[in-house]
Amino acid sequence: MKPKKPEKTLQVDLFRMKLDQMLDQRHELYRLAGRLDWQAAEEQFGMLYSEEGFRSG
């Protein structure tokens, strides 16, 4: 199932920390994720995912 895209709102939930605030931003995987072209990855691999998920027959 495709991940849901986050809604773009100006209001921030004051009682919930953002994920990027909880993670170690110095970690190599965190830095690598910032360098990836996620739009290109979604275009390349998006066809492999479904909005409905897996259906057994």
PDB file of N, CA and C in Angstrom:
ATOM      1  N   MET A   1       0.844  -1.165   0.000  1.00  0.00           N
ATOM      2  CA  MET A   1       0.000   0.000   0.000  1.00  0.00           C
ATOM      3  C   MET A   1       0.896   1.237   0.000  1.00  0.00           C
ATOM      4  N   LYS A   2       0.539   2.206  -0.807  1.00  0.00           N
ATOM      5  CA  LYS A   2       1.330   3.436  -0.873  1.00  0.00           C
ATOM      6  C   LYS A   2       1.199   4.225   0.419  1.00  0.00           C
ATOM      7  N   PRO A   3       2.282   4.845   0.869  1.00  0.00           N
ATOM      8  CA  PRO A   3       2.161   5.703   2.049  1.00  0.00           C
ATOM      9  C   PRO A   3       1.360   6.951   1.709  1.00  0.00           C
ATOM     10  N   LYS A   4       0.604   7.424   2.686  1.00  0.00           N
ATOM     11  CA  LYS A   4      -0.190   8.634   2.481  1.00  0.00           C
ATOM     12  C   LYS A   4       0.728   9.844   2.511  1.00  0.00           C
ATOM     13  N   LYS A   5       0.482  10.782   1.614  1.00  0.00           N
ATOM     14  CA  LYS A   5       1.265  12.014   1.605  1.00  0.00           C
ATOM     15  C   LYS A   5       0.767  12.906   2.736  1.00  0.00           C
ATOM     16  N   PRO A   6       1.687  13.535   3.459  1.00  0.00           N
ATOM     17  CA  PRO A   6       1.272  14.386   4.571  1.00  0.00           C
ATOM     18  C   PRO A   6       0.502  15.608   4.069  1.00  0.00           C
ATOM     19  N   GLU A   7      -0.513  15.973   4.831  1.00  0.00           N
ATOM     20  CA  GLU A   7      -1.258  17.177   4.497  1.00  0.00           C
ATOM     21  C   GLU A   7      -0.384  18.389   4.774  1.00  0.00           C
ATOM     22  N   LYS A   8      -0.469  19.364   3.909  1.00  0.00           N
ATOM     23  CA  LYS A   8       0.330  20.575   4.090  1.00  0.00           C
ATOM     24  C   LYS A   8      -0.538  21.610   4.791  1.00  0.00           C
ATOM     25  N   THR A   9      -0.252  21.824   6.057  1.00  0.00           N
ATOM     26  CA  THR A   9      -0.981  22.801   6.841  1.00  0.00           C
ATOM     27  C   THR A   9       0.021  23.730   7.516  1.00  0.00           C
ATOM     28  N   LEU A  10      -0.427  24.917   7.823  1.00  0.00           N
ATOM     29  CA  LEU A  10       0.435  25.872   8.502  1.00  0.00           C
ATOM     30  C   LEU A  10       0.423  25.655  10.010  1.00  0.00           C
ATOM     31  N   GLN A  11      -0.613  24.983  10.492  1.00  0.00           N
ATOM     32  CA  GLN A  11      -0.745  24.750  11.930  1.00  0.00           C
ATOM     33  C   GLN A  11       0.063  23.522  12.330  1.00  0.00           C
ATOM     34  N   VAL A  12       0.843  23.632  13.367  1.00  0.00           N
ATOM     35  CA  VAL A  12       1.660  22.539  13.868  1.00  0.00           C
ATOM     36  C   VAL A  12       1.018  22.011  15.148  1.00  0.00           C
ATOM     37  N   ASP A  13       0.963  20.682  15.272  1.00  0.00           N
ATOM     38  CA  ASP A  13       0.430  20.066  16.480  1.00  0.00           C
ATOM     39  C   ASP A  13       1.428  20.297  17.610  1.00  0.00           C
ATOM     40  N   LEU A  14       1.052  21.081  18.593  1.00  0.00           N
ATOM     41  CA  LEU A  14       1.967  21.448  19.667  1.00  0.00           C
ATOM     42  C   LEU A  14       2.255  20.310  20.639  1.00  0.00           C
ATOM     43  N   PHE A  15       1.429  19.254  20.621  1.00  0.00           N
ATOM     44  CA  PHE A  15       1.588  18.167  21.578  1.00  0.00           C
ATOM     45  C   PHE A  15       2.258  16.948  20.963  1.00  0.00           C
ATOM     46  N   ARG A  16       2.730  17.051  19.752  1.00  0.00           N
ATOM     47  CA  ARG A  16       3.372  15.929  19.098  1.00  0.00           C
ATOM     48  C   ARG A  16       4.673  16.402  18.454  1.00  0.00           C
ATOM     49  N   MET A  17       5.761  15.701  18.771  1.00  0.00           N
ATOM     50  CA  MET A  17       7.051  16.060  18.174  1.00  0.00           C
ATOM     51  C   MET A  17       7.093  15.569  16.736  1.00  0.00           C
ATOM     52  N   LYS A  18       7.740  16.340  15.876  1.00  0.00           N
ATOM     53  CA  LYS A  18       7.942  15.908  14.505  1.00  0.00           C
ATOM     54  C   LYS A  18       9.028  14.838  14.485  1.00  0.00           C
ATOM     55  N   LEU A  19       8.914  13.913  13.538  1.00  0.00           N
ATOM     56  CA  LEU A  19       9.864  12.805  13.454  1.00  0.00           C
ATOM     57  C   LEU A  19      11.289  13.306  13.291  1.00  0.00           C
ATOM     58  N   ASP A  20      11.489  14.336  12.483  1.00  0.00           N
ATOM     59  CA  ASP A  20      12.852  14.821  12.271  1.00  0.00           C
ATOM     60  C   ASP A  20      13.463  15.400  13.545  1.00  0.00           C
ATOM     61  N   GLN A  21      12.654  15.757  14.510  1.00  0.00           N
ATOM     62  CA  GLN A  21      13.165  16.245  15.787  1.00  0.00           C
ATOM     63  C   GLN A  21      13.562  15.099  16.715  1.00  0.00           C
ATOM     64  N   MET A  22      13.006  13.910  16.479  1.00  0.00           N
ATOM     65  CA  MET A  22      13.300  12.758  17.328  1.00  0.00           C
ATOM     66  C   MET A  22      14.523  11.983  16.848  1.00  0.00           C
ATOM     67  N   LEU A  23      14.858  12.108  15.566  1.00  0.00           N
ATOM     68  CA  LEU A  23      15.949  11.325  14.998  1.00  0.00           C
ATOM     69  C   LEU A  23      17.283  12.060  15.111  1.00  0.00           C
ATOM     70  N   ASP A  24      18.343  11.290  15.102  1.00  0.00           N
ATOM     71  CA  ASP A  24      19.693  11.854  15.125  1.00  0.00           C
ATOM     72  C   ASP A  24      20.027  12.339  13.715  1.00  0.00           C
ATOM     73  N   GLN A  25      20.031  13.640  13.529  1.00  0.00           N
ATOM     74  CA  GLN A  25      20.248  14.215  12.206  1.00  0.00           C
ATOM     75  C   GLN A  25      21.695  14.084  11.742  1.00  0.00           C
ATOM     76  N   ARG A  26      22.577  13.646  12.617  1.00  0.00           N
ATOM     77  CA  ARG A  26      23.972  13.417  12.233  1.00  0.00           C
ATOM     78  C   ARG A  26      24.193  12.002  11.707  1.00  0.00           C
ATOM     79  N   HIS A  27      23.198  11.133  11.885  1.00  0.00           N
ATOM     80  CA  HIS A  27      23.322   9.736  11.453  1.00  0.00           C
ATOM     81  C   HIS A  27      23.413   9.674   9.925  1.00  0.00           C
ATOM     82  N   GLU A  28      24.264   8.760   9.438  1.00  0.00           N
ATOM     83  CA  GLU A  28      24.509   8.688   7.996  1.00  0.00           C
ATOM     84  C   GLU A  28      23.255   8.335   7.179  1.00  0.00           C
ATOM     85  N   LEU A  29      22.366   7.510   7.718  1.00  0.00           N
ATOM     86  CA  LEU A  29      21.141   7.187   6.979  1.00  0.00           C
ATOM     87  C   LEU A  29      20.196   8.380   6.918  1.00  0.00           C
ATOM     88  N   TYR A  30      20.151   9.170   7.969  1.00  0.00           N
ATOM     89  CA  TYR A  30      19.337  10.389   7.961  1.00  0.00           C
ATOM     90  C   TYR A  30      19.864  11.358   6.904  1.00  0.00           C
ATOM     91  N   ARG A  31      21.167  11.525   6.857  1.00  0.00           N
ATOM     92  CA  ARG A  31      21.763  12.438   5.874  1.00  0.00           C
ATOM     93  C   ARG A  31      21.578  11.913   4.455  1.00  0.00           C
ATOM     94  N   LEU A  32      21.698  10.594   4.274  1.00  0.00           N
ATOM     95  CA  LEU A  32      21.486   9.993   2.960  1.00  0.00           C
ATOM     96  C   LEU A  32      20.052  10.232   2.477  1.00  0.00           C
ATOM     97  N   ALA A  33      19.087  10.088   3.377  1.00  0.00           N
ATOM     98  CA  ALA A  33      17.685  10.304   3.004  1.00  0.00           C
ATOM     99  C   ALA A  33      17.458  11.725   2.506  1.00  0.00           C
ATOM    100  N   GLY A  34      18.210  12.667   3.032  1.00  0.00           N
ATOM    101  CA  GLY A  34      18.084  14.045   2.584  1.00  0.00           C
ATOM    102  C   GLY A  34      18.681  14.287   1.205  1.00  0.00           C
ATOM    103  N   ARG A  35      19.525  13.381   0.750  1.00  0.00           N
ATOM    104  CA  ARG A  35      20.178  13.547  -0.551  1.00  0.00           C
ATOM    105  C   ARG A  35      19.470  12.794  -1.670  1.00  0.00           C
ATOM    106  N   LEU A  36      18.559  11.887  -1.316  1.00  0.00           N
ATOM    107  CA  LEU A  36      17.867  11.090  -2.332  1.00  0.00           C
ATOM    108  C   LEU A  36      16.820  11.917  -3.066  1.00  0.00           C
ATOM    109  N   ASP A  37      16.616  11.593  -4.332  1.00  0.00           N
ATOM    110  CA  ASP A  37      15.563  12.215  -5.138  1.00  0.00           C
ATOM    111  C   ASP A  37      14.307  11.371  -4.965  1.00  0.00           C
ATOM    112  N   TRP A  38      13.502  11.702  -3.961  1.00  0.00           N
ATOM    113  CA  TRP A  38      12.332  10.902  -3.621  1.00  0.00           C
ATOM    114  C   TRP A  38      11.274  10.944  -4.710  1.00  0.00           C
ATOM    115  N   GLN A  39      11.163  12.049  -5.426  1.00  0.00           N
ATOM    116  CA  GLN A  39      10.201  12.155  -6.526  1.00  0.00           C
ATOM    117  C   GLN A  39      10.554  11.149  -7.623  1.00  0.00           C
ATOM    118  N   ALA A  40      11.835  11.045  -7.961  1.00  0.00           N
ATOM    119  CA  ALA A  40      12.272  10.088  -8.978  1.00  0.00           C
ATOM    120  C   ALA A  40      12.031   8.653  -8.503  1.00  0.00           C
ATOM    121  N   ALA A  41      12.271   8.372  -7.236  1.00  0.00           N
ATOM    122  CA  ALA A  41      12.037   7.035  -6.692  1.00  0.00           C
ATOM    123  C   ALA A  41      10.553   6.687  -6.760  1.00  0.00           C
ATOM    124  N   GLU A  42       9.695   7.651  -6.433  1.00  0.00           N
ATOM    125  CA  GLU A  42       8.256   7.409  -6.501  1.00  0.00           C
ATOM    126  C   GLU A  42       7.808   7.160  -7.943  1.00  0.00           C
ATOM    127  N   GLU A  43       8.351   7.913  -8.881  1.00  0.00           N
ATOM    128  CA  GLU A  43       8.008   7.704 -10.283  1.00  0.00           C
ATOM    129  C   GLU A  43       8.501   6.341 -10.775  1.00  0.00           C
ATOM    130  N   GLN A  44       9.679   5.941 -10.354  1.00  0.00           N
ATOM    131  CA  GLN A  44      10.274   4.684 -10.810  1.00  0.00           C
ATOM    132  C   GLN A  44       9.584   3.469 -10.197  1.00  0.00           C
ATOM    133  N   PHE A  45       9.257   3.534  -8.912  1.00  0.00           N
ATOM    134  CA  PHE A  45       8.752   2.360  -8.203  1.00  0.00           C
ATOM    135  C   PHE A  45       7.273   2.465  -7.825  1.00  0.00           C
ATOM    136  N   GLY A  46       6.640   3.599  -8.078  1.00  0.00           N
ATOM    137  CA  GLY A  46       5.252   3.797  -7.687  1.00  0.00           C
ATOM    138  C   GLY A  46       4.295   2.792  -8.268  1.00  0.00           C
ATOM    139  N   MET A  47       4.586   2.300  -9.464  1.00  0.00           N
ATOM    140  CA  MET A  47       3.691   1.339 -10.106  1.00  0.00           C
ATOM    141  C   MET A  47       3.662  -0.003  -9.383  1.00  0.00           C
ATOM    142  N   LEU A  48       4.618  -0.234  -8.500  1.00  0.00           N
ATOM    143  CA  LEU A  48       4.678  -1.492  -7.764  1.00  0.00           C
ATOM    144  C   LEU A  48       3.770  -1.496  -6.537  1.00  0.00           C
ATOM    145  N   TYR A  49       3.135  -0.374  -6.249  1.00  0.00           N
ATOM    146  CA  TYR A  49       2.291  -0.248  -5.070  1.00  0.00           C
ATOM    147  C   TYR A  49       0.856   0.047  -5.479  1.00  0.00           C
ATOM    148  N   SER A  50      -0.064  -0.279  -4.599  1.00  0.00           N
ATOM    149  CA  SER A  50      -1.481  -0.096  -4.872  1.00  0.00           C
ATOM    150  C   SER A  50      -2.109   0.760  -3.783  1.00  0.00           C
ATOM    151  N   GLU A  51      -3.104   1.533  -4.143  1.00  0.00           N
ATOM    152  CA  GLU A  51      -3.842   2.335  -3.153  1.00  0.00           C
ATOM    153  C   GLU A  51      -4.671   1.426  -2.237  1.00  0.00           C
ATOM    154  N   GLU A  52      -5.127   0.278  -2.746  1.00  0.00           N
ATOM    155  CA  GLU A  52      -6.002  -0.616  -1.979  1.00  0.00           C
ATOM    156  C   GLU A  52      -5.259  -1.646  -1.149  1.00  0.00           C
ATOM    157  N   GLY A  53      -4.010  -1.931  -1.480  1.00  0.00           N
ATOM    158  CA  GLY A  53      -3.273  -2.954  -0.777  1.00  0.00           C
ATOM    159  C   GLY A  53      -3.445  -4.307  -1.447  1.00  0.00           C
ATOM    160  N   PHE A  54      -3.033  -5.351  -0.776  1.00  0.00           N
ATOM    161  CA  PHE A  54      -3.041  -6.696  -1.335  1.00  0.00           C
ATOM    162  C   PHE A  54      -4.420  -7.320  -1.193  1.00  0.00           C
ATOM    163  N   ARG A  55      -4.871  -7.944  -2.257  1.00  0.00           N
ATOM    164  CA  ARG A  55      -6.130  -8.703  -2.212  1.00  0.00           C
ATOM    165  C   ARG A  55      -5.845 -10.148  -2.540  1.00  0.00           C
ATOM    166  N   SER A  56      -6.230 -11.053  -1.641  1.00  0.00           N
ATOM    167  CA  SER A  56      -6.053 -12.471  -1.933  1.00  0.00           C
ATOM    168  C   SER A  56      -7.279 -12.977  -2.657  1.00  0.00           C
ATOM    169  N   GLY A  57      -7.085 -13.924  -3.553  1.00  0.00           N
ATOM    170  CA  GLY A  57      -8.114 -14.323  -4.466  1.00  0.00           C
ATOM    171  C   GLY A  57      -8.925 -15.468  -4.115  1.00  0.00           C
TER     172      GLY A  57
END
